[in-house]
Amino acid sequence: MTTHTIAQAQSDSGLLPIAFAALTGLFLVFAAGFSHASAMHDVAHDQRHAIAFPCH
């Protein structure tokens, strides 16, 4: 009985990262889709500077 409970707990724990990744992906797609183009440009521009990637 203990083996069955451990196996069930391990199979359920794999769903949490998948659900989190799916929700994060949906958020990013909808955030990019409903935001203004200039706002997305500013975010991307600031990120490029944050990782020291030249853009000018």
PDB file of N, CA and C in Angstrom:
ATOM      1  N   MET A   1       0.818  -1.187   0.000  1.00  0.00           N
ATOM      2  CA  MET A   1       0.000   0.000   0.000  1.00  0.00           C
ATOM      3  C   MET A   1       0.868   1.259   0.000  1.00  0.00           C
ATOM      4  N   THR A   2       1.985   1.232   0.688  1.00  0.00           N
ATOM      5  CA  THR A   2       2.877   2.387   0.733  1.00  0.00           C
ATOM      6  C   THR A   2       3.485   2.651  -0.638  1.00  0.00           C
ATOM      7  N   THR A   3       3.849   1.609  -1.359  1.00  0.00           N
ATOM      8  CA  THR A   3       4.430   1.769  -2.685  1.00  0.00           C
ATOM      9  C   THR A   3       3.442   2.438  -3.634  1.00  0.00           C
ATOM     10  N   HIS A   4       2.194   2.062  -3.569  1.00  0.00           N
ATOM     11  CA  HIS A   4       1.179   2.663  -4.424  1.00  0.00           C
ATOM     12  C   HIS A   4       1.015   4.152  -4.111  1.00  0.00           C
ATOM     13  N   THR A   5       1.037   4.520  -2.849  1.00  0.00           N
ATOM     14  CA  THR A   5       0.883   5.918  -2.450  1.00  0.00           C
ATOM     15  C   THR A   5       2.064   6.747  -2.922  1.00  0.00           C
ATOM     16  N   ILE A   6       3.275   6.215  -2.809  1.00  0.00           N
ATOM     17  CA  ILE A   6       4.462   6.938  -3.267  1.00  0.00           C
ATOM     18  C   ILE A   6       4.425   7.109  -4.780  1.00  0.00           C
ATOM     19  N   ALA A   7       4.045   6.072  -5.521  1.00  0.00           N
ATOM     20  CA  ALA A   7       3.966   6.172  -6.973  1.00  0.00           C
ATOM     21  C   ALA A   7       2.923   7.194  -7.397  1.00  0.00           C
ATOM     22  N   GLN A   8       1.805   7.249  -6.704  1.00  0.00           N
ATOM     23  CA  GLN A   8       0.764   8.224  -7.021  1.00  0.00           C
ATOM     24  C   GLN A   8       1.260   9.637  -6.754  1.00  0.00           C
ATOM     25  N   ALA A   9       1.975   9.844  -5.666  1.00  0.00           N
ATOM     26  CA  ALA A   9       2.491  11.179  -5.332  1.00  0.00           C
ATOM     27  C   ALA A   9       3.522  11.629  -6.354  1.00  0.00           C
ATOM     28  N   GLN A  10       4.353  10.717  -6.842  1.00  0.00           N
ATOM     29  CA  GLN A  10       5.355  11.079  -7.832  1.00  0.00           C
ATOM     30  C   GLN A  10       4.717  11.418  -9.174  1.00  0.00           C
ATOM     31  N   SER A  11       3.683  10.740  -9.573  1.00  0.00           N
ATOM     32  CA  SER A  11       3.053  11.038 -10.854  1.00  0.00           C
ATOM     33  C   SER A  11       2.285  12.356 -10.798  1.00  0.00           C
ATOM     34  N   ASP A  12       1.713  12.702  -9.656  1.00  0.00           N
ATOM     35  CA  ASP A  12       1.009  13.970  -9.522  1.00  0.00           C
ATOM     36  C   ASP A  12       1.968  15.158  -9.490  1.00  0.00           C
ATOM     37  N   SER A  13       3.158  14.971  -8.972  1.00  0.00           N
ATOM     38  CA  SER A  13       4.097  16.083  -8.864  1.00  0.00           C
ATOM     39  C   SER A  13       4.611  16.538 -10.227  1.00  0.00           C
ATOM     40  N   GLY A  14       4.510  15.712 -11.251  1.00  0.00           N
ATOM     41  CA  GLY A  14       4.947  16.102 -12.583  1.00  0.00           C
ATOM     42  C   GLY A  14       3.985  17.047 -13.274  1.00  0.00           C
ATOM     43  N   LEU A  15       2.763  17.137 -12.804  1.00  0.00           N
ATOM     44  CA  LEU A  15       1.786  18.022 -13.433  1.00  0.00           C
ATOM     45  C   LEU A  15       1.985  19.482 -13.054  1.00  0.00           C
ATOM     46  N   LEU A  16       2.504  19.740 -11.886  1.00  0.00           N
ATOM     47  CA  LEU A  16       2.670  21.123 -11.434  1.00  0.00           C
ATOM     48  C   LEU A  16       3.620  21.925 -12.322  1.00  0.00           C
ATOM     49  N   PRO A  17       4.813  21.439 -12.657  1.00  0.00           N
ATOM     50  CA  PRO A  17       5.682  22.215 -13.560  1.00  0.00           C
ATOM     51  C   PRO A  17       5.079  22.414 -14.944  1.00  0.00           C
ATOM     52  N   ILE A  18       4.367  21.405 -15.438  1.00  0.00           N
ATOM     53  CA  ILE A  18       3.739  21.528 -16.753  1.00  0.00           C
ATOM     54  C   ILE A  18       2.646  22.592 -16.723  1.00  0.00           C
ATOM     55  N   ALA A  19       1.827  22.576 -15.682  1.00  0.00           N
ATOM     56  CA  ALA A  19       0.761  23.573 -15.551  1.00  0.00           C
ATOM     57  C   ALA A  19       1.349  24.974 -15.395  1.00  0.00           C
ATOM     58  N   PHE A  20       2.402  25.086 -14.613  1.00  0.00           N
ATOM     59  CA  PHE A  20       3.036  26.403 -14.418  1.00  0.00           C
ATOM     60  C   PHE A  20       3.621  26.920 -15.725  1.00  0.00           C
ATOM     61  N   ALA A  21       4.286  26.058 -16.491  1.00  0.00           N
ATOM     62  CA  ALA A  21       4.851  26.472 -17.772  1.00  0.00           C
ATOM     63  C   ALA A  21       3.754  26.876 -18.755  1.00  0.00           C
ATOM     64  N   ALA A  22       2.649  26.142 -18.764  1.00  0.00           N
ATOM     65  CA  ALA A  22       1.544  26.477 -19.670  1.00  0.00           C
ATOM     66  C   ALA A  22       0.923  27.819 -19.303  1.00  0.00           C
ATOM     67  N   LEU A  23       0.701  28.050 -18.016  1.00  0.00           N
ATOM     68  CA  LEU A  23       0.126  29.327 -17.595  1.00  0.00           C
ATOM     69  C   LEU A  23       1.080  30.488 -17.864  1.00  0.00           C
ATOM     70  N   THR A  24       2.357  30.281 -17.643  1.00  0.00           N
ATOM     71  CA  THR A  24       3.341  31.329 -17.942  1.00  0.00           C
ATOM     72  C   THR A  24       3.353  31.636 -19.431  1.00  0.00           C
ATOM     73  N   GLY A  25       3.318  30.603 -20.262  1.00  0.00           N
ATOM     74  CA  GLY A  25       3.294  30.808 -21.707  1.00  0.00           C
ATOM     75  C   GLY A  25       2.050  31.543 -22.168  1.00  0.00           C
ATOM     76  N   LEU A  26       0.901  31.157 -21.630  1.00  0.00           N
ATOM     77  CA  LEU A  26      -0.341  31.855 -21.989  1.00  0.00           C
ATOM     78  C   LEU A  26      -0.298  33.318 -21.558  1.00  0.00           C
ATOM     79  N   PHE A  27       0.234  33.560 -20.373  1.00  0.00           N
ATOM     80  CA  PHE A  27       0.355  34.946 -19.910  1.00  0.00           C
ATOM     81  C   PHE A  27       1.245  35.755 -20.849  1.00  0.00           C
ATOM     82  N   LEU A  28       2.377  35.192 -21.257  1.00  0.00           N
ATOM     83  CA  LEU A  28       3.281  35.924 -22.141  1.00  0.00           C
ATOM     84  C   LEU A  28       2.655  36.201 -23.502  1.00  0.00           C
ATOM     85  N   VAL A  29       1.945  35.225 -24.038  1.00  0.00           N
ATOM     86  CA  VAL A  29       1.298  35.417 -25.344  1.00  0.00           C
ATOM     87  C   VAL A  29       0.223  36.503 -25.249  1.00  0.00           C
ATOM     88  N   PHE A  30      -0.619  36.441 -24.232  1.00  0.00           N
ATOM     89  CA  PHE A  30      -1.678  37.445 -24.110  1.00  0.00           C
ATOM     90  C   PHE A  30      -1.124  38.810 -23.715  1.00  0.00           C
ATOM     91  N   ALA A  31      -0.087  38.849 -22.888  1.00  0.00           N
ATOM     92  CA  ALA A  31       0.520  40.135 -22.521  1.00  0.00           C
ATOM     93  C   ALA A  31       1.123  40.805 -23.747  1.00  0.00           C
ATOM     94  N   ALA A  32       1.782  40.036 -24.596  1.00  0.00           N
ATOM     95  CA  ALA A  32       2.363  40.602 -25.812  1.00  0.00           C
ATOM     96  C   ALA A  32       1.275  40.979 -26.816  1.00  0.00           C
ATOM     97  N   GLY A  33       0.212  40.208 -26.864  1.00  0.00           N
ATOM     98  CA  GLY A  33      -0.851  40.476 -27.827  1.00  0.00           C
ATOM     99  C   GLY A  33      -1.679  41.699 -27.506  1.00  0.00           C
ATOM    100  N   PHE A  34      -1.875  41.983 -26.217  1.00  0.00           N
ATOM    101  CA  PHE A  34      -2.732  43.100 -25.833  1.00  0.00           C
ATOM    102  C   PHE A  34      -1.966  44.357 -25.413  1.00  0.00           C
ATOM    103  N   SER A  35      -0.642  44.321 -25.454  1.00  0.00           N
ATOM    104  CA  SER A  35       0.122  45.509 -25.062  1.00  0.00           C
ATOM    105  C   SER A  35       0.386  46.377 -26.294  1.00  0.00           C
ATOM    106  N   HIS A  36       0.775  47.594 -26.036  1.00  0.00           N
ATOM    107  CA  HIS A  36       1.107  48.520 -27.119  1.00  0.00           C
ATOM    108  C   HIS A  36       2.482  48.181 -27.676  1.00  0.00           C
ATOM    109  N   ALA A  37       2.672  48.410 -28.954  1.00  0.00           N
ATOM    110  CA  ALA A  37       3.938  48.075 -29.594  1.00  0.00           C
ATOM    111  C   ALA A  37       5.100  48.846 -28.975  1.00  0.00           C
ATOM    112  N   SER A  38       4.868  50.098 -28.625  1.00  0.00           N
ATOM    113  CA  SER A  38       5.959  50.888 -28.042  1.00  0.00           C
ATOM    114  C   SER A  38       6.353  50.355 -26.666  1.00  0.00           C
ATOM    115  N   ALA A  39       5.385  49.865 -25.912  1.00  0.00           N
ATOM    116  CA  ALA A  39       5.701  49.298 -24.595  1.00  0.00           C
ATOM    117  C   ALA A  39       6.541  48.036 -24.748  1.00  0.00           C
ATOM    118  N   MET A  40       6.194  47.176 -25.703  1.00  0.00           N
ATOM    119  CA  MET A  40       6.979  45.959 -25.926  1.00  0.00           C
ATOM    120  C   MET A  40       8.379  46.303 -26.418  1.00  0.00           C
ATOM    121  N   HIS A  41       8.497  47.327 -27.253  1.00  0.00           N
ATOM    122  CA  HIS A  41       9.808  47.747 -27.735  1.00  0.00           C
ATOM    123  C   HIS A  41      10.663  48.240 -26.573  1.00  0.00           C
ATOM    124  N   ASP A  42      10.070  49.025 -25.701  1.00  0.00           N
ATOM    125  CA  ASP A  42      10.822  49.547 -24.565  1.00  0.00           C
ATOM    126  C   ASP A  42      11.297  48.428 -23.642  1.00  0.00           C
ATOM    127  N   VAL A  43      10.440  47.441 -23.406  1.00  0.00           N
ATOM    128  CA  VAL A  43      10.829  46.310 -22.554  1.00  0.00           C
ATOM    129  C   VAL A  43      11.970  45.529 -23.203  1.00  0.00           C
ATOM    130  N   ALA A  44      11.848  45.250 -24.490  1.00  0.00           N
ATOM    131  CA  ALA A  44      12.902  44.502 -25.183  1.00  0.00           C
ATOM    132  C   ALA A  44      14.200  45.298 -25.223  1.00  0.00           C
ATOM    133  N   HIS A  45      14.080  46.602 -25.433  1.00  0.00           N
ATOM    134  CA  HIS A  45      15.257  47.469 -25.487  1.00  0.00           C
ATOM    135  C   HIS A  45      15.975  47.482 -24.137  1.00  0.00           C
ATOM    136  N   ASP A  46      15.224  47.625 -23.057  1.00  0.00           N
ATOM    137  CA  ASP A  46      15.824  47.625 -21.720  1.00  0.00           C
ATOM    138  C   ASP A  46      16.450  46.282 -21.393  1.00  0.00           C
ATOM    139  N   GLN A  47      15.831  45.195 -21.840  1.00  0.00           N
ATOM    140  CA  GLN A  47      16.383  43.865 -21.582  1.00  0.00           C
ATOM    141  C   GLN A  47      17.701  43.677 -22.320  1.00  0.00           C
ATOM    142  N   ARG A  48      17.772  44.178 -23.519  1.00  0.00           N
ATOM    143  CA  ARG A  48      19.042  44.070 -24.265  1.00  0.00           C
ATOM    144  C   ARG A  48      20.146  44.817 -23.541  1.00  0.00           C
ATOM    145  N   HIS A  49      19.851  45.979 -22.999  1.00  0.00           N
ATOM    146  CA  HIS A  49      20.859  46.709 -22.226  1.00  0.00           C
ATOM    147  C   HIS A  49      21.217  45.965 -20.943  1.00  0.00           C
ATOM    148  N   ALA A  50      20.233  45.304 -20.319  1.00  0.00           N
ATOM    149  CA  ALA A  50      20.475  44.596 -19.053  1.00  0.00           C
ATOM    150  C   ALA A  50      21.436  43.423 -19.246  1.00  0.00           C
ATOM    151  N   ILE A  51      21.420  42.794 -20.414  1.00  0.00           N
ATOM    152  CA  ILE A  51      22.333  41.670 -20.633  1.00  0.00           C
ATOM    153  C   ILE A  51      23.572  42.104 -21.419  1.00  0.00           C
ATOM    154  N   ALA A  52      23.790  43.409 -21.506  1.00  0.00           N
ATOM    155  CA  ALA A  52      24.984  44.009 -22.136  1.00  0.00           C
ATOM    156  C   ALA A  52      25.085  43.669 -23.619  1.00  0.00           C
ATOM    157  N   PHE A  53      23.948  43.573 -24.292  1.00  0.00           N
ATOM    158  CA  PHE A  53      23.928  43.320 -25.731  1.00  0.00           C
ATOM    159  C   PHE A  53      23.790  44.664 -26.446  1.00  0.00           C
ATOM    160  N   PRO A  54      24.719  45.001 -27.333  1.00  0.00           N
ATOM    161  CA  PRO A  54      24.630  46.310 -27.992  1.00  0.00           C
ATOM    162  C   PRO A  54      23.442  46.397 -28.941  1.00  0.00           C
ATOM    163  N   CYS A  55      22.760  47.530 -28.909  1.00  0.00           N
ATOM    164  CA  CYS A  55      21.632  47.698 -29.811  1.00  0.00           C
ATOM    165  C   CYS A  55      21.628  49.059 -30.490  1.00  0.00           C
ATOM    166  N   HIS A  56      22.639  49.873 -30.281  1.00  0.00           N
ATOM    167  CA  HIS A  56      22.701  51.187 -30.954  1.00  0.00           C
ATOM    168  C   HIS A  56      23.928  51.230 -31.827  1.00  0.00           C
TER     169      HIS A  56
END
